[in-house]
Amino acid sequence: ATASGDVGTADACYTWGGTLREGSSGEAVRQLQIRVAGYPGTGNQIAIDGAFGPATRAAVTRFQSAYGLAADGI
């Protein structure tokens, strides 16, 4: 996946608080998008916009699957 929009940089000290899922929004989602946007996969684009939509869910699912996690997109 490639990033589009205002990419920014991942905050190495970012503190995660809560479960992110489709419909979530805000800085936590933006930090997640930055981290999964560059993960190899289908070549789709993911917007770094802080809105957890279908493209973010697909990127998270690919990431989870690659690391042997439950690939539920959450």
N, C-alpha and C. Protein backbone atom coordinates (compact mmCIF):
# COMPACT_ATOMS: atom_id res chain seq x y z
N ALA A 1 0.84 -1.18 0.00
CA ALA A 1 0.00 0.00 0.00
C ALA A 1 0.88 1.23 0.00
N THR A 2 0.45 2.22 -0.65
CA THR A 2 1.20 3.47 -0.66
C THR A 2 0.38 4.53 0.04
N ALA A 3 1.07 5.45 0.63
CA ALA A 3 0.40 6.52 1.37
C ALA A 3 0.00 7.64 0.44
N SER A 4 -1.09 8.27 0.76
CA SER A 4 -1.49 9.46 0.04
C SER A 4 -1.93 10.50 1.05
N GLY A 5 -1.92 11.74 0.65
CA GLY A 5 -2.30 12.81 1.56
C GLY A 5 -1.09 13.28 2.35
N ASP A 6 -1.34 13.91 3.48
CA ASP A 6 -0.29 14.41 4.36
C ASP A 6 0.25 13.23 5.15
N VAL A 7 1.36 12.67 4.69
CA VAL A 7 1.88 11.44 5.27
C VAL A 7 2.36 11.64 6.69
N GLY A 8 3.22 12.61 6.95
CA GLY A 8 3.73 12.82 8.29
C GLY A 8 4.70 11.71 8.67
N THR A 9 5.05 11.67 9.92
CA THR A 9 5.95 10.64 10.42
C THR A 9 5.33 9.98 11.64
N ALA A 10 5.72 8.74 11.85
CA ALA A 10 5.22 8.01 13.01
C ALA A 10 5.86 8.57 14.27
N ASP A 11 5.07 8.76 15.28
CA ASP A 11 5.55 9.22 16.58
C ASP A 11 5.97 8.00 17.37
N ALA A 12 7.29 7.80 17.54
CA ALA A 12 7.82 6.62 18.22
C ALA A 12 7.34 6.52 19.66
N CYS A 13 6.96 7.63 20.25
CA CYS A 13 6.51 7.65 21.65
C CYS A 13 4.99 7.68 21.77
N TYR A 14 4.28 7.45 20.66
CA TYR A 14 2.83 7.55 20.71
C TYR A 14 2.26 6.50 21.65
N THR A 15 1.34 6.89 22.51
CA THR A 15 0.69 5.99 23.46
C THR A 15 -0.67 5.59 22.91
N TRP A 16 -0.83 4.30 22.67
CA TRP A 16 -2.09 3.77 22.14
C TRP A 16 -3.06 3.60 23.29
N GLY A 17 -4.30 3.99 23.08
CA GLY A 17 -5.31 3.86 24.13
C GLY A 17 -6.63 3.39 23.57
N GLY A 18 -6.88 2.11 23.59
CA GLY A 18 -8.16 1.61 23.12
C GLY A 18 -8.05 0.86 21.81
N THR A 19 -9.15 0.26 21.42
CA THR A 19 -9.23 -0.54 20.20
C THR A 19 -9.64 0.34 19.04
N LEU A 20 -8.92 0.22 17.94
CA LEU A 20 -9.26 0.95 16.72
C LEU A 20 -9.98 0.01 15.78
N ARG A 21 -11.04 0.52 15.15
CA ARG A 21 -11.82 -0.29 14.21
C ARG A 21 -12.43 0.64 13.19
N GLU A 22 -13.02 0.04 12.15
CA GLU A 22 -13.67 0.83 11.11
C GLU A 22 -14.69 1.76 11.76
N GLY A 23 -14.61 3.03 11.40
CA GLY A 23 -15.47 4.05 11.99
C GLY A 23 -14.74 4.91 13.01
N SER A 24 -13.59 4.41 13.53
CA SER A 24 -12.78 5.20 14.46
C SER A 24 -12.13 6.36 13.71
N SER A 25 -11.76 7.40 14.44
CA SER A 25 -11.07 8.52 13.81
C SER A 25 -10.19 9.22 14.83
N GLY A 26 -9.28 10.02 14.33
CA GLY A 26 -8.41 10.81 15.20
C GLY A 26 -6.94 10.48 15.03
N GLU A 27 -6.14 11.01 15.95
CA GLU A 27 -4.69 10.87 15.88
C GLU A 27 -4.24 9.42 15.99
N ALA A 28 -4.92 8.62 16.81
CA ALA A 28 -4.53 7.21 16.94
C ALA A 28 -4.67 6.49 15.60
N VAL A 29 -5.73 6.77 14.87
CA VAL A 29 -5.93 6.16 13.55
C VAL A 29 -4.86 6.66 12.59
N ARG A 30 -4.55 7.94 12.64
CA ARG A 30 -3.51 8.49 11.76
C ARG A 30 -2.17 7.80 12.02
N GLN A 31 -1.81 7.60 13.28
CA GLN A 31 -0.56 6.92 13.62
C GLN A 31 -0.58 5.47 13.11
N LEU A 32 -1.71 4.80 13.23
CA LEU A 32 -1.85 3.45 12.70
C LEU A 32 -1.67 3.46 11.18
N GLN A 33 -2.32 4.40 10.51
CA GLN A 33 -2.23 4.48 9.05
C GLN A 33 -0.79 4.69 8.59
N ILE A 34 -0.05 5.53 9.29
CA ILE A 34 1.35 5.77 8.94
C ILE A 34 2.11 4.45 9.00
N ARG A 35 1.85 3.65 10.01
CA ARG A 35 2.58 2.40 10.21
C ARG A 35 2.21 1.32 9.20
N VAL A 36 0.95 1.22 8.81
CA VAL A 36 0.56 0.15 7.88
C VAL A 36 0.58 0.59 6.42
N ALA A 37 0.68 1.88 6.15
CA ALA A 37 0.63 2.37 4.77
C ALA A 37 1.76 1.83 3.91
N GLY A 38 2.93 1.67 4.47
CA GLY A 38 4.07 1.20 3.70
C GLY A 38 4.22 -0.30 3.67
N TYR A 39 3.29 -1.03 4.30
CA TYR A 39 3.42 -2.48 4.33
C TYR A 39 3.10 -3.06 2.96
N PRO A 40 3.97 -3.93 2.44
CA PRO A 40 3.74 -4.50 1.10
C PRO A 40 2.43 -5.29 1.06
N GLY A 41 1.80 -5.24 -0.07
CA GLY A 41 0.53 -5.97 -0.19
C GLY A 41 -0.01 -5.88 -1.60
N THR A 42 -1.13 -5.23 -1.72
CA THR A 42 -1.83 -5.23 -3.00
C THR A 42 -1.50 -4.04 -3.88
N GLY A 43 -0.80 -3.06 -3.37
CA GLY A 43 -0.51 -1.87 -4.15
C GLY A 43 -1.61 -0.83 -4.06
N ASN A 44 -2.61 -1.08 -3.24
CA ASN A 44 -3.68 -0.10 -3.05
C ASN A 44 -3.14 1.11 -2.30
N GLN A 45 -3.86 2.19 -2.37
CA GLN A 45 -3.48 3.39 -1.63
C GLN A 45 -4.30 3.49 -0.36
N ILE A 46 -3.67 4.04 0.65
CA ILE A 46 -4.36 4.30 1.91
C ILE A 46 -4.14 5.77 2.25
N ALA A 47 -5.21 6.47 2.52
CA ALA A 47 -5.11 7.88 2.89
C ALA A 47 -4.68 7.99 4.34
N ILE A 48 -3.74 8.89 4.60
CA ILE A 48 -3.32 9.18 5.97
C ILE A 48 -4.16 10.36 6.43
N ASP A 49 -5.40 10.06 6.80
CA ASP A 49 -6.36 11.12 7.09
C ASP A 49 -7.01 11.01 8.47
N GLY A 50 -6.62 9.99 9.24
CA GLY A 50 -7.19 9.83 10.58
C GLY A 50 -8.58 9.24 10.60
N ALA A 51 -9.06 8.75 9.45
CA ALA A 51 -10.38 8.12 9.38
C ALA A 51 -10.20 6.64 9.04
N PHE A 52 -10.66 5.75 9.91
CA PHE A 52 -10.51 4.31 9.73
C PHE A 52 -11.65 3.82 8.85
N GLY A 53 -11.36 3.70 7.56
CA GLY A 53 -12.35 3.23 6.60
C GLY A 53 -11.95 1.88 6.02
N PRO A 54 -12.59 1.47 4.93
CA PRO A 54 -12.33 0.16 4.32
C PRO A 54 -10.87 -0.05 3.90
N ALA A 55 -10.21 0.97 3.36
CA ALA A 55 -8.82 0.81 2.92
C ALA A 55 -7.89 0.60 4.12
N THR A 56 -8.14 1.30 5.21
CA THR A 56 -7.33 1.11 6.42
C THR A 56 -7.58 -0.28 6.98
N ARG A 57 -8.83 -0.71 7.01
CA ARG A 57 -9.14 -2.05 7.50
C ARG A 57 -8.42 -3.11 6.67
N ALA A 58 -8.41 -2.96 5.34
CA ALA A 58 -7.74 -3.92 4.47
C ALA A 58 -6.23 -3.94 4.75
N ALA A 59 -5.63 -2.77 4.95
CA ALA A 59 -4.20 -2.70 5.24
C ALA A 59 -3.88 -3.35 6.58
N VAL A 60 -4.72 -3.12 7.58
CA VAL A 60 -4.52 -3.72 8.90
C VAL A 60 -4.66 -5.24 8.80
N THR A 61 -5.65 -5.71 8.05
CA THR A 61 -5.87 -7.14 7.89
C THR A 61 -4.66 -7.81 7.23
N ARG A 62 -4.09 -7.19 6.18
CA ARG A 62 -2.89 -7.74 5.53
C ARG A 62 -1.74 -7.82 6.52
N PHE A 63 -1.55 -6.76 7.30
CA PHE A 63 -0.48 -6.70 8.29
C PHE A 63 -0.67 -7.82 9.32
N GLN A 64 -1.88 -7.94 9.85
CA GLN A 64 -2.16 -8.97 10.86
C GLN A 64 -1.90 -10.37 10.31
N SER A 65 -2.36 -10.62 9.10
CA SER A 65 -2.18 -11.93 8.48
C SER A 65 -0.70 -12.26 8.31
N ALA A 66 0.08 -11.29 7.88
CA ALA A 66 1.51 -11.49 7.66
C ALA A 66 2.25 -11.85 8.94
N TYR A 67 1.75 -11.39 10.08
CA TYR A 67 2.40 -11.64 11.36
C TYR A 67 1.70 -12.73 12.19
N GLY A 68 0.81 -13.50 11.54
CA GLY A 68 0.18 -14.62 12.22
C GLY A 68 -0.83 -14.23 13.28
N LEU A 69 -1.35 -13.02 13.17
CA LEU A 69 -2.36 -12.54 14.12
C LEU A 69 -3.75 -12.83 13.58
N ALA A 70 -4.75 -12.75 14.42
CA ALA A 70 -6.13 -12.87 13.96
C ALA A 70 -6.38 -11.73 12.98
N ALA A 71 -6.63 -12.07 11.72
CA ALA A 71 -6.78 -11.06 10.67
C ALA A 71 -8.22 -10.57 10.62
N ASP A 72 -8.56 -9.75 11.62
CA ASP A 72 -9.93 -9.24 11.73
C ASP A 72 -10.03 -7.75 11.41
N GLY A 73 -8.89 -7.12 11.14
CA GLY A 73 -8.92 -5.70 10.80
C GLY A 73 -9.13 -4.77 11.97
N ILE A 74 -9.11 -5.31 13.18
CA ILE A 74 -9.32 -4.51 14.39
C ILE A 74 -8.03 -4.45 15.17
